C-alpha atoms as a PDB file:
ATOM      1  CA  MET A   1       1.856 -26.513 -59.434  1.00  0.00           C
ATOM      2  CA  ALA A   2       1.788 -29.685 -57.331  1.00  0.00           C
ATOM      3  CA  ARG A   3       0.308 -32.708 -59.093  1.00  0.00           C
ATOM      4  CA  ILE A   4      -1.591 -35.423 -57.230  1.00  0.00           C
ATOM      5  CA  GLY A   5      -2.254 -38.606 -59.123  1.00  0.00           C
ATOM      6  CA  ILE A   6      -5.646 -40.281 -58.532  1.00  0.00           C
ATOM      7  CA  ASP A   7      -7.058 -43.279 -60.383  1.00  0.00           C
ATOM      8  CA  ALA A   8     -10.005 -41.821 -62.304  1.00  0.00           C
ATOM      9  CA  SER A   9     -11.628 -45.264 -62.679  1.00  0.00           C
ATOM     10  CA  ALA A  10     -11.908 -45.717 -58.919  1.00  0.00           C
ATOM     11  CA  GLN A  11     -13.993 -43.838 -56.388  1.00  0.00           C
ATOM     12  CA  THR A  12     -11.476 -42.025 -54.224  1.00  0.00           C
ATOM     13  CA  SER A  13     -12.530 -40.722 -50.834  1.00  0.00           C
ATOM     14  CA  MET A  14     -10.846 -37.793 -49.124  1.00  0.00           C
ATOM     15  CA  ALA A  15     -10.288 -40.169 -46.209  1.00  0.00           C
ATOM     16  CA  THR A  16      -7.909 -42.249 -48.355  1.00  0.00           C
ATOM     17  CA  LEU A  17      -5.646 -39.288 -49.067  1.00  0.00           C
ATOM     18  CA  CYS A  18      -2.840 -38.142 -46.854  1.00  0.00           C
ATOM     19  CA  GLU A  19      -3.418 -34.904 -44.965  1.00  0.00           C
ATOM     20  CA  GLU A  20      -1.209 -32.908 -47.334  1.00  0.00           C
ATOM     21  CA  GLN A  21      -3.093 -34.132 -50.429  1.00  0.00           C
ATOM     22  CA  ALA A  22      -6.484 -33.512 -48.806  1.00  0.00           C
ATOM     23  CA  LYS A  23      -5.560 -29.950 -47.839  1.00  0.00           C
ATOM     24  CA  ILE A  24      -4.282 -29.024 -51.269  1.00  0.00           C
ATOM     25  CA  LEU A  25      -7.296 -30.578 -52.997  1.00  0.00           C
ATOM     26  CA  SER A  26      -9.653 -28.713 -50.656  1.00  0.00           C
ATOM     27  CA  MET A  27      -7.883 -25.455 -51.366  1.00  0.00           C
ATOM     28  CA  ALA A  28      -7.902 -26.115 -55.115  1.00  0.00           C
ATOM     29  CA  ALA A  29     -11.618 -26.929 -55.043  1.00  0.00           C
ATOM     30  CA  GLY A  30     -12.362 -23.670 -53.238  1.00  0.00           C
ATOM     31  CA  LEU A  31     -10.275 -21.617 -55.617  1.00  0.00           C
ATOM     32  CA  MET A  32     -11.887 -23.280 -58.623  1.00  0.00           C
ATOM     33  CA  GLY A  33     -15.224 -22.304 -57.127  1.00  0.00           C
ATOM     34  CA  LEU A  34     -14.052 -18.699 -57.095  1.00  0.00           C
ATOM     35  CA  MET A  35     -12.807 -19.058 -60.657  1.00  0.00           C
ATOM     36  CA  GLY A  36     -16.377 -19.894 -61.650  1.00  0.00           C
ATOM     37  CA  ASN A  37     -16.974 -16.159 -61.472  1.00  0.00           C
ATOM     38  CA  ILE A  38     -15.022 -15.567 -64.725  1.00  0.00           C
ATOM     39  CA  GLU A  39     -15.246 -16.896 -68.235  1.00  0.00           C
ATOM     40  CA  THR A  40     -12.375 -18.676 -69.983  1.00  0.00           C
ATOM     41  CA  ASP A  41     -11.437 -15.465 -71.806  1.00  0.00           C
ATOM     42  CA  GLY A  42     -11.058 -13.575 -68.533  1.00  0.00           C
ATOM     43  CA  THR A  43     -14.300 -11.573 -68.733  1.00  0.00           C
ATOM     44  CA  PRO A  44     -16.679 -11.590 -65.733  1.00  0.00           C
ATOM     45  CA  ASP A  45     -19.426 -14.206 -65.725  1.00  0.00           C
ATOM     46  CA  ALA A  46     -22.720 -12.402 -66.189  1.00  0.00           C
ATOM     47  CA  ASN A  47     -24.447 -14.971 -63.980  1.00  0.00           C
ATOM     48  CA  ALA A  48     -21.929 -14.719 -61.142  1.00  0.00           C
ATOM     49  CA  ASP A  49     -23.099 -13.354 -57.811  1.00  0.00           C
ATOM     50  CA  GLY A  50     -20.025 -11.116 -57.519  1.00  0.00           C
ATOM     51  CA  ALA A  51     -16.674 -11.232 -55.785  1.00  0.00           C
ATOM     52  CA  SER A  52     -16.062 -13.944 -53.206  1.00  0.00           C
ATOM     53  CA  LEU A  53     -14.077 -14.109 -49.999  1.00  0.00           C
ATOM     54  CA  PHE A  54     -11.820 -17.140 -49.405  1.00  0.00           C
ATOM     55  CA  LEU A  55     -10.593 -17.565 -45.799  1.00  0.00           C
ATOM     56  CA  LEU A  56      -7.626 -19.775 -44.858  1.00  0.00           C
ATOM     57  CA  TYR A  57      -6.672 -20.307 -41.215  1.00  0.00           C
ATOM     58  CA  GLN A  58      -3.164 -21.645 -40.669  1.00  0.00           C
ATOM     59  CA  PRO A  59      -3.217 -23.941 -43.708  1.00  0.00           C
ATOM     60  CA  GLU A  60       0.395 -24.919 -42.936  1.00  0.00           C
ATOM     61  CA  SER A  61      -0.748 -26.956 -39.923  1.00  0.00           C
ATOM     62  CA  GLY A  62       0.347 -30.559 -40.414  1.00  0.00           C
ATOM     63  CA  LEU A  63       2.058 -29.849 -43.749  1.00  0.00           C
ATOM     64  CA  HIS A  64       5.670 -30.766 -44.444  1.00  0.00           C
ATOM     65  CA  PRO A  65       7.707 -27.694 -45.534  1.00  0.00           C
ATOM     66  CA  SER A  66       7.879 -28.970 -49.113  1.00  0.00           C
ATOM     67  CA  TRP A  67       4.085 -29.306 -49.173  1.00  0.00           C
ATOM     68  CA  GLN A  68       3.754 -25.783 -47.808  1.00  0.00           C
ATOM     69  CA  LEU A  69       5.674 -24.580 -50.849  1.00  0.00           C
ATOM     70  CA  HIS A  70       3.391 -26.655 -53.102  1.00  0.00           C
ATOM     71  CA  TYR A  71       0.397 -25.073 -51.388  1.00  0.00           C
ATOM     72  CA  THR A  72       1.523 -21.503 -51.991  1.00  0.00           C
ATOM     73  CA  SER A  73       2.644 -22.422 -55.508  1.00  0.00           C
ATOM     74  CA  ALA A  74      -0.834 -23.768 -56.258  1.00  0.00           C
ATOM     75  CA  MET A  75      -2.419 -20.560 -54.980  1.00  0.00           C
ATOM     76  CA  ASN A  76      -0.063 -18.486 -57.087  1.00  0.00           C
ATOM     77  CA  ASP A  77      -0.788 -20.522 -60.211  1.00  0.00           C
ATOM     78  CA  VAL A  78      -4.553 -20.152 -59.873  1.00  0.00           C
ATOM     79  CA  THR A  79      -4.591 -16.468 -58.993  1.00  0.00           C
ATOM     80  CA  ALA A  80      -1.943 -15.587 -61.586  1.00  0.00           C
ATOM     81  CA  ALA A  81      -4.009 -17.341 -64.246  1.00  0.00           C
ATOM     82  CA  THR A  82      -6.890 -14.950 -63.570  1.00  0.00           C
ATOM     83  CA  ALA A  83      -4.919 -11.730 -63.145  1.00  0.00           C
ATOM     84  CA  ILE A  84      -2.334 -11.050 -65.840  1.00  0.00           C
ATOM     85  CA  CYS A  85      -0.423  -7.893 -65.035  1.00  0.00           C
ATOM     86  CA  ALA A  86       1.287  -6.639 -68.166  1.00  0.00           C
ATOM     87  CA  ASP A  87       3.132  -3.544 -69.252  1.00  0.00           C
ATOM     88  CA  ALA A  88       0.841  -1.327 -71.318  1.00  0.00           C
ATOM     89  CA  GLN A  89       3.479  -1.221 -74.044  1.00  0.00           C
ATOM     90  CA  SER A  90       3.746  -4.986 -74.335  1.00  0.00           C
ATOM     91  CA  GLY A  91       0.379  -5.322 -76.052  1.00  0.00           C
ATOM     92  CA  ALA A  92      -0.826  -8.053 -73.673  1.00  0.00           C
ATOM     93  CA  GLN A  93      -4.430  -7.985 -72.584  1.00  0.00           C
ATOM     94  CA  SER A  94      -5.064  -7.113 -68.923  1.00  0.00           C
ATOM     95  CA  LEU A  95      -7.664  -9.358 -67.330  1.00  0.00           C
ATOM     96  CA  PRO A  96     -10.053  -7.995 -64.707  1.00  0.00           C
ATOM     97  CA  GLY A  97      -8.234  -9.883 -61.978  1.00  0.00           C
ATOM     98  CA  PHE A  98      -8.898 -12.648 -59.485  1.00  0.00           C
ATOM     99  CA  PRO A  99     -12.649 -12.665 -58.766  1.00  0.00           C
ATOM    100  CA  GLY A 100     -12.473 -12.282 -55.026  1.00  0.00           C
ATOM    101  CA  GLN A 101     -10.117 -11.941 -52.099  1.00  0.00           C
ATOM    102  CA  ILE A 102      -8.014 -14.499 -50.248  1.00  0.00           C
ATOM    103  CA  ILE A 103      -7.293 -13.822 -46.569  1.00  0.00           C
ATOM    104  CA  MET A 104      -4.870 -16.232 -44.916  1.00  0.00           C
ATOM    105  CA  ALA A 105      -3.741 -16.326 -41.287  1.00  0.00           C
ATOM    106  CA  SER A 106      -0.379 -18.071 -40.934  1.00  0.00           C
ATOM    107  CA  HIS A 107       2.578 -18.545 -38.592  1.00  0.00           C
ATOM    108  CA  SER A 108       4.841 -20.061 -41.242  1.00  0.00           C
ATOM    109  CA  PRO A 109       7.471 -18.102 -43.190  1.00  0.00           C
ATOM    110  CA  LEU A 110       7.079 -20.556 -46.075  1.00  0.00           C
ATOM    111  CA  MET A 111       3.476 -19.471 -46.544  1.00  0.00           C
ATOM    112  CA  ILE A 112       4.352 -15.809 -47.065  1.00  0.00           C
ATOM    113  CA  ASN A 113       7.822 -15.896 -48.635  1.00  0.00           C
ATOM    114  CA  HIS A 114       6.386 -15.212 -52.102  1.00  0.00           C
ATOM    115  CA  LEU A 115       4.346 -12.150 -51.112  1.00  0.00           C
ATOM    116  CA  ARG A 116       4.932  -8.422 -51.455  1.00  0.00           C
ATOM    117  CA  ARG A 117       4.679  -6.165 -48.419  1.00  0.00           C
ATOM    118  CA  GLU A 118       1.360  -4.754 -49.668  1.00  0.00           C
ATOM    119  CA  GLN A 119      -0.142  -8.231 -49.369  1.00  0.00           C
ATOM    120  CA  VAL A 120       0.890  -8.767 -45.732  1.00  0.00           C
ATOM    121  CA  ARG A 121      -0.444  -7.454 -42.440  1.00  0.00           C
ATOM    122  CA  ILE A 122       1.263  -8.072 -39.092  1.00  0.00           C
ATOM    123  CA  ILE A 123      -1.265  -8.461 -36.268  1.00  0.00           C
ATOM    124  CA  ASN A 124      -0.085  -7.274 -32.848  1.00  0.00           C
ATOM    125  CA  ARG A 125      -2.054  -7.051 -29.636  1.00  0.00           C
ATOM    126  CA  ASP A 126      -1.685  -3.759 -27.788  1.00  0.00           C
ATOM    127  CA  SER A 127      -3.454  -3.799 -24.420  1.00  0.00           C
ATOM    128  CA  ASP A 128      -7.045  -4.730 -25.319  1.00  0.00           C
ATOM    129  CA  GLU A 129      -6.742  -3.825 -28.983  1.00  0.00           C
ATOM    130  CA  SER A 130      -5.420  -5.692 -32.004  1.00  0.00           C
ATOM    131  CA  ARG A 131      -3.483  -3.635 -34.528  1.00  0.00           C
ATOM    132  CA  ALA A 132      -2.626  -4.496 -38.130  1.00  0.00           C
ATOM    133  CA  SER A 133       0.433  -2.991 -39.790  1.00  0.00           C
ATOM    134  CA  MET A 134       2.217  -3.448 -43.100  1.00  0.00           C
ATOM    135  CA  PRO A 135       5.836  -4.697 -42.911  1.00  0.00           C
ATOM    136  CA  HIS A 136       8.589  -2.324 -43.983  1.00  0.00           C
ATOM    137  CA  GLU A 137      10.198  -4.857 -46.327  1.00  0.00           C
ATOM    138  CA  HIS A 138       8.917  -7.352 -48.895  1.00  0.00           C
ATOM    139  CA  PRO A 139       8.837 -10.987 -47.657  1.00  0.00           C
ATOM    140  CA  GLN A 140       9.654 -12.020 -51.222  1.00  0.00           C
ATOM    141  CA  GLY A 141      13.368 -12.681 -51.537  1.00  0.00           C
ATOM    142  CA  MET A 142      14.144 -12.585 -47.808  1.00  0.00           C
ATOM    143  CA  GLY A 143      14.417 -16.354 -47.371  1.00  0.00           C
ATOM    144  CA  VAL A 144      13.198 -18.332 -44.371  1.00  0.00           C
ATOM    145  CA  ALA A 145      16.001 -17.251 -42.005  1.00  0.00           C
ATOM    146  CA  GLY A 146      15.556 -13.608 -42.991  1.00  0.00           C
ATOM    147  CA  LEU A 147      11.815 -13.759 -42.458  1.00  0.00           C
ATOM    148  CA  LEU A 148      12.152 -15.354 -39.030  1.00  0.00           C
ATOM    149  CA  LYS A 149      14.499 -12.549 -37.919  1.00  0.00           C
ATOM    150  CA  SER A 150      12.397  -9.812 -39.489  1.00  0.00           C
ATOM    151  CA  GLU A 151       9.647  -7.744 -37.867  1.00  0.00           C
ATOM    152  CA  MET A 152       7.141 -10.300 -39.142  1.00  0.00           C
ATOM    153  CA  PHE A 153       8.318 -13.005 -36.722  1.00  0.00           C
ATOM    154  CA  GLY A 154      10.727 -11.138 -34.474  1.00  0.00           C
ATOM    155  CA  LEU A 155      13.245 -13.857 -33.624  1.00  0.00           C
ATOM    156  CA  PRO A 156      16.635 -12.455 -32.563  1.00  0.00           C
ATOM    157  CA  SER A 157      18.366 -15.490 -34.078  1.00  0.00           C
ATOM    158  CA  THR A 158      17.553 -18.757 -35.815  1.00  0.00           C
ATOM    159  CA  LEU A 159      20.250 -20.609 -33.867  1.00  0.00           C
ATOM    160  CA  ASP A 160      19.403 -23.015 -31.055  1.00  0.00           C
ATOM    161  CA  GLN A 161      19.835 -21.801 -27.475  1.00  0.00           C
ATOM    162  CA  PRO A 162      22.911 -23.949 -26.602  1.00  0.00           C
ATOM    163  CA  THR A 163      24.801 -22.699 -29.666  1.00  0.00           C
ATOM    164  CA  LYS A 164      23.850 -19.094 -28.946  1.00  0.00           C
ATOM    165  CA  ALA A 165      25.092 -19.492 -25.358  1.00  0.00           C
ATOM    166  CA  THR A 166      28.400 -20.929 -26.596  1.00  0.00           C
ATOM    167  CA  LEU A 167      28.830 -18.060 -29.059  1.00  0.00           C
ATOM    168  CA  HIS A 168      28.106 -15.523 -26.340  1.00  0.00           C
ATOM    169  CA  GLN A 169      30.691 -17.066 -24.001  1.00  0.00           C
ATOM    170  CA  ARG A 170      33.288 -17.075 -26.773  1.00  0.00           C
ATOM    171  CA  ASN A 171      32.538 -13.458 -27.732  1.00  0.00           C
ATOM    172  CA  VAL A 172      32.862 -12.281 -24.139  1.00  0.00           C
ATOM    173  CA  LEU A 173      36.259 -13.963 -23.819  1.00  0.00           C
ATOM    174  CA  LEU A 174      37.431 -12.587 -27.182  1.00  0.00           C
ATOM    175  CA  ALA A 175      36.498  -9.080 -26.138  1.00  0.00           C
ATOM    176  CA  LYS A 176      38.246  -9.451 -22.808  1.00  0.00           C
ATOM    177  CA  GLN A 177      41.314 -10.876 -24.539  1.00  0.00           C
ATOM    178  CA  ALA A 178      41.533  -7.806 -26.763  1.00  0.00           C
ATOM    179  CA  GLN A 179      41.047  -5.396 -23.862  1.00  0.00           C
ATOM    180  CA  SER A 180      42.938  -6.742 -20.860  1.00  0.00           C
ATOM    181  CA  GLY A 181      44.092 -10.276 -21.619  1.00  0.00           C
ATOM    182  CA  LEU A 182      42.943 -13.646 -20.270  1.00  0.00           C
ATOM    183  CA  SER A 183      43.936 -15.744 -17.320  1.00  0.00           C
ATOM    184  CA  THR A 184      45.287 -19.244 -17.959  1.00  0.00           C
ATOM    185  CA  GLN A 185      41.939 -20.781 -17.084  1.00  0.00           C
ATOM    186  CA  GLU A 186      40.064 -18.374 -19.387  1.00  0.00           C
ATOM    187  CA  ALA A 187      42.515 -19.062 -22.236  1.00  0.00           C
ATOM    188  CA  VAL A 188      41.844 -22.799 -21.899  1.00  0.00           C
ATOM    189  CA  GLN A 189      38.100 -22.141 -21.820  1.00  0.00           C
ATOM    190  CA  LEU A 190      38.318 -19.998 -24.967  1.00  0.00           C
ATOM    191  CA  GLN A 191      40.215 -22.732 -26.792  1.00  0.00           C
ATOM    192  CA  CYS A 192      37.583 -25.297 -25.821  1.00  0.00           C
ATOM    193  CA  LEU A 193      34.812 -23.010 -27.047  1.00  0.00           C
ATOM    194  CA  ARG A 194      36.625 -22.459 -30.345  1.00  0.00           C
ATOM    195  CA  GLU A 195      37.007 -26.190 -30.904  1.00  0.00           C
ATOM    196  CA  ARG A 196      33.355 -26.795 -30.089  1.00  0.00           C
ATOM    197  CA  LEU A 197      32.238 -24.110 -32.530  1.00  0.00           C
ATOM    198  CA  ASP A 198      34.672 -25.313 -35.221  1.00  0.00           C
ATOM    199  CA  LYS A 199      32.907 -28.690 -35.172  1.00  0.00           C
ATOM    200  CA  LEU A 200      29.602 -26.866 -35.741  1.00  0.00           C
ATOM    201  CA  GLY A 201      30.982 -24.995 -38.750  1.00  0.00           C
ATOM    202  CA  PHE A 202      31.867 -21.673 -37.123  1.00  0.00           C
ATOM    203  CA  VAL A 203      35.334 -21.527 -38.597  1.00  0.00           C
ATOM    204  CA  HIS A 204      35.864 -17.770 -38.158  1.00  0.00           C
ATOM    205  CA  GLU A 205      35.922 -15.771 -34.957  1.00  0.00           C
ATOM    206  CA  ASN A 206      33.635 -13.054 -36.331  1.00  0.00           C
ATOM    207  CA  ARG A 207      33.150 -12.447 -40.025  1.00  0.00           C
ATOM    208  CA  ASP A 208      32.258  -8.809 -39.371  1.00  0.00           C
ATOM    209  CA  ALA A 209      35.178  -6.709 -38.141  1.00  0.00           C
ATOM    210  CA  LEU A 210      32.826  -3.959 -36.975  1.00  0.00           C
ATOM    211  CA  TYR A 211      30.892  -6.468 -34.882  1.00  0.00           C
ATOM    212  CA  GLN A 212      34.134  -7.654 -33.294  1.00  0.00           C
ATOM    213  CA  LEU A 213      34.956  -4.029 -32.456  1.00  0.00           C
ATOM    214  CA  PHE A 214      31.488  -3.624 -30.966  1.00  0.00           C
ATOM    215  CA  LEU A 215      32.036  -6.682 -28.734  1.00  0.00           C
ATOM    216  CA  GLU A 216      35.319  -5.280 -27.481  1.00  0.00           C
ATOM    217  CA  LYS A 217      33.803  -1.899 -26.676  1.00  0.00           C
ATOM    218  CA  MET A 218      30.827  -3.541 -24.999  1.00  0.00           C
ATOM    219  CA  HIS A 219      33.126  -5.576 -22.774  1.00  0.00           C
ATOM    220  CA  ALA A 220      35.043  -2.437 -21.822  1.00  0.00           C
ATOM    221  CA  ALA A 221      31.815  -0.571 -21.047  1.00  0.00           C
ATOM    222  CA  ARG A 222      30.599  -3.378 -18.786  1.00  0.00           C
ATOM    223  CA  GLN A 223      33.626  -2.841 -16.556  1.00  0.00           C
ATOM    224  CA  LEU A 224      32.773   0.822 -15.925  1.00  0.00           C
ATOM    225  CA  PRO A 225      30.774   2.011 -12.883  1.00  0.00           C
ATOM    226  CA  LEU A 226      27.351   3.497 -13.498  1.00  0.00           C
ATOM    227  CA  ASP A 227      28.457   7.061 -12.808  1.00  0.00           C
ATOM    228  CA  GLN A 228      30.788   6.811 -15.819  1.00  0.00           C
ATOM    229  CA  LEU A 229      28.145   5.329 -18.087  1.00  0.00           C
ATOM    230  CA  LEU A 230      25.254   7.645 -17.205  1.00  0.00           C
ATOM    231  CA  SER A 231      24.961  11.371 -16.823  1.00  0.00           C
ATOM    232  CA  PRO A 232      23.895  12.838 -13.440  1.00  0.00           C
ATOM    233  CA  GLU A 233      20.414  13.453 -14.885  1.00  0.00           C
ATOM    234  CA  GLU A 234      20.137   9.825 -16.068  1.00  0.00           C
ATOM    235  CA  LEU A 235      21.324   8.542 -12.691  1.00  0.00           C
ATOM    236  CA  ALA A 236      18.746  10.699 -10.910  1.00  0.00           C
ATOM    237  CA  ALA A 237      16.006   9.425 -13.233  1.00  0.00           C
ATOM    238  CA  GLN A 238      17.006   5.813 -12.535  1.00  0.00           C
ATOM    239  CA  THR A 239      17.011   6.503  -8.782  1.00  0.00           C
ATOM    240  CA  ARG A 240      13.506   7.986  -8.969  1.00  0.00           C
ATOM    241  CA  LEU A 241      12.297   5.017 -11.017  1.00  0.00           C
ATOM    242  CA  ALA A 242      13.790   2.544  -8.533  1.00  0.00           C
ATOM    243  CA  GLU A 243      12.086   4.353  -5.627  1.00  0.00           C
ATOM    244  CA  GLN A 244       8.771   4.359  -7.464  1.00  0.00           C
ATOM    245  CA  ILE A 245       8.988   0.622  -8.189  1.00  0.00           C
ATOM    246  CA  THR A 246       9.970  -0.081  -4.569  1.00  0.00           C
ATOM    247  CA  ARG A 247       6.965   1.868  -3.237  1.00  0.00           C
ATOM    248  CA  GLN A 248       4.633   0.029  -5.604  1.00  0.00           C
ATOM    249  CA  LEU A 249       6.011  -3.352  -4.543  1.00  0.00           C
ATOM    250  CA  LEU A 250       5.706  -2.487  -0.851  1.00  0.00           C
ATOM    251  CA  ALA A 251       2.162  -1.187  -1.311  1.00  0.00           C
ATOM    252  CA  GLN A 252       1.195  -4.365  -3.144  1.00  0.00           C
ATOM    253  CA  GLU A 253       2.787  -6.514  -0.430  1.00  0.00           C
ATOM    254  CA  GLN A 254       1.036  -4.546   2.304  1.00  0.00           C
ATOM    255  CA  GLY A 255      -2.277  -4.830   0.466  1.00  0.00           C
ATOM    256  CA  GLU A 256      -1.899  -8.579   0.195  1.00  0.00           C
ATOM    257  CA  LYS A 257      -1.161  -8.821   3.933  1.00  0.00           C
ATOM    258  CA  MET A 258      -4.230  -6.751   4.811  1.00  0.00           C
ATOM    259  CA  ALA A 259      -6.389  -8.871   2.527  1.00  0.00           C
ATOM    260  CA  ALA A 260      -5.073 -12.053   4.169  1.00  0.00           C
ATOM    261  CA  LEU A 261      -5.813 -10.631   7.648  1.00  0.00           C
ATOM    262  CA  ALA A 262      -9.289  -9.602   6.561  1.00  0.00           C
ATOM    263  CA  ASN A 263      -9.987 -13.061   5.189  1.00  0.00           C
ATOM    264  CA  ALA A 264      -8.660 -14.622   8.400  1.00  0.00           C
ATOM    265  CA  GLY A 265     -10.901 -12.291  10.457  1.00  0.00           C
ATOM    266  CA  LEU A 266     -13.946 -13.290   8.447  1.00  0.00           C
ATOM    267  CA  ALA A 267     -13.063 -16.932   8.872  1.00  0.00           C
ATOM    268  CA  ASN A 268     -12.703 -16.483  12.653  1.00  0.00           C
ATOM    269  CA  ALA A 269     -16.031 -14.642  12.822  1.00  0.00           C
ATOM    270  CA  ASP A 270     -17.746 -17.439  10.934  1.00  0.00           C
ATOM    271  CA  LEU A 271     -16.159 -19.965  13.277  1.00  0.00           C
ATOM    272  CA  ALA A 272     -17.348 -18.010  16.340  1.00  0.00           C
ATOM    273  CA  ASN A 273     -20.876 -17.847  14.964  1.00  0.00           C
ATOM    274  CA  ASP A 274     -20.825 -21.574  14.314  1.00  0.00           C
ATOM    275  CA  LEU A 275     -19.635 -22.237  17.858  1.00  0.00           C
ATOM    276  CA  ARG A 276     -22.351 -20.001  19.318  1.00  0.00           C
ATOM    277  CA  ALA A 277     -24.914 -21.755  17.205  1.00  0.00           C
ATOM    278  CA  LEU A 278     -23.744 -25.123  18.470  1.00  0.00           C
ATOM    279  CA  GLY A 279     -23.840 -23.859  22.045  1.00  0.00           C
ATOM    280  CA  GLY A 280     -27.422 -22.650  21.572  1.00  0.00           C
ATOM    281  CA  GLU A 281     -28.504 -26.083  20.457  1.00  0.00           C
END
């Protein structure tokens, strides 16, 4: 658990602490308040009001990644101390558990990387409704990069956009080279891309041979006309969809024109009335 040293002989204000220290102390104070619901031997406090609810909203805000890990470590230490889960055959005593519930909303993978899937809910907005679902995999053990690319955060890659664009250009040229060969200009471009990626640590073309085969087949498929990629039924469905979208766009455009004409007509009518009123005066 993170330790924060404070001179006990001096009066220390929360304002004198850095934001990270203040957040962790606030969290610890709240959790210790919840722990007041149990005795030191793990039995419920007879005078306690009952289970408590502890709400945390984006506690990672303003915290350095290392402090985020301290934060979750502190939570784990406190809750684990009040809920010992033991094998029945081990002879250890099973305590009644943490006296309450902690609900935390977070956008940081570091705040959930220690949790099991049963402890996590992904909130998605569908139309006017919000839906909560349990992830298919445990966040625990996935690592930050794995979490960011998982269903919990949904990033296709953790690479920056310029590097991804360079990789894509190189992959397209590699696939074309394997299928039909490169022109002199394309060969020079591929060499430049390789050198640029080598400096960034991408020392292999593609570590996965199956992925390289996929790139080659994708490049070949891109060269085919639509009637060789889609069945007649699929082509007909795409044609119907295109016609439907075109009609909708034209109807929307026509509606906007009619609305503009109507507004212009109202403006002209108001102007005529104003002119008549002036003439009457």
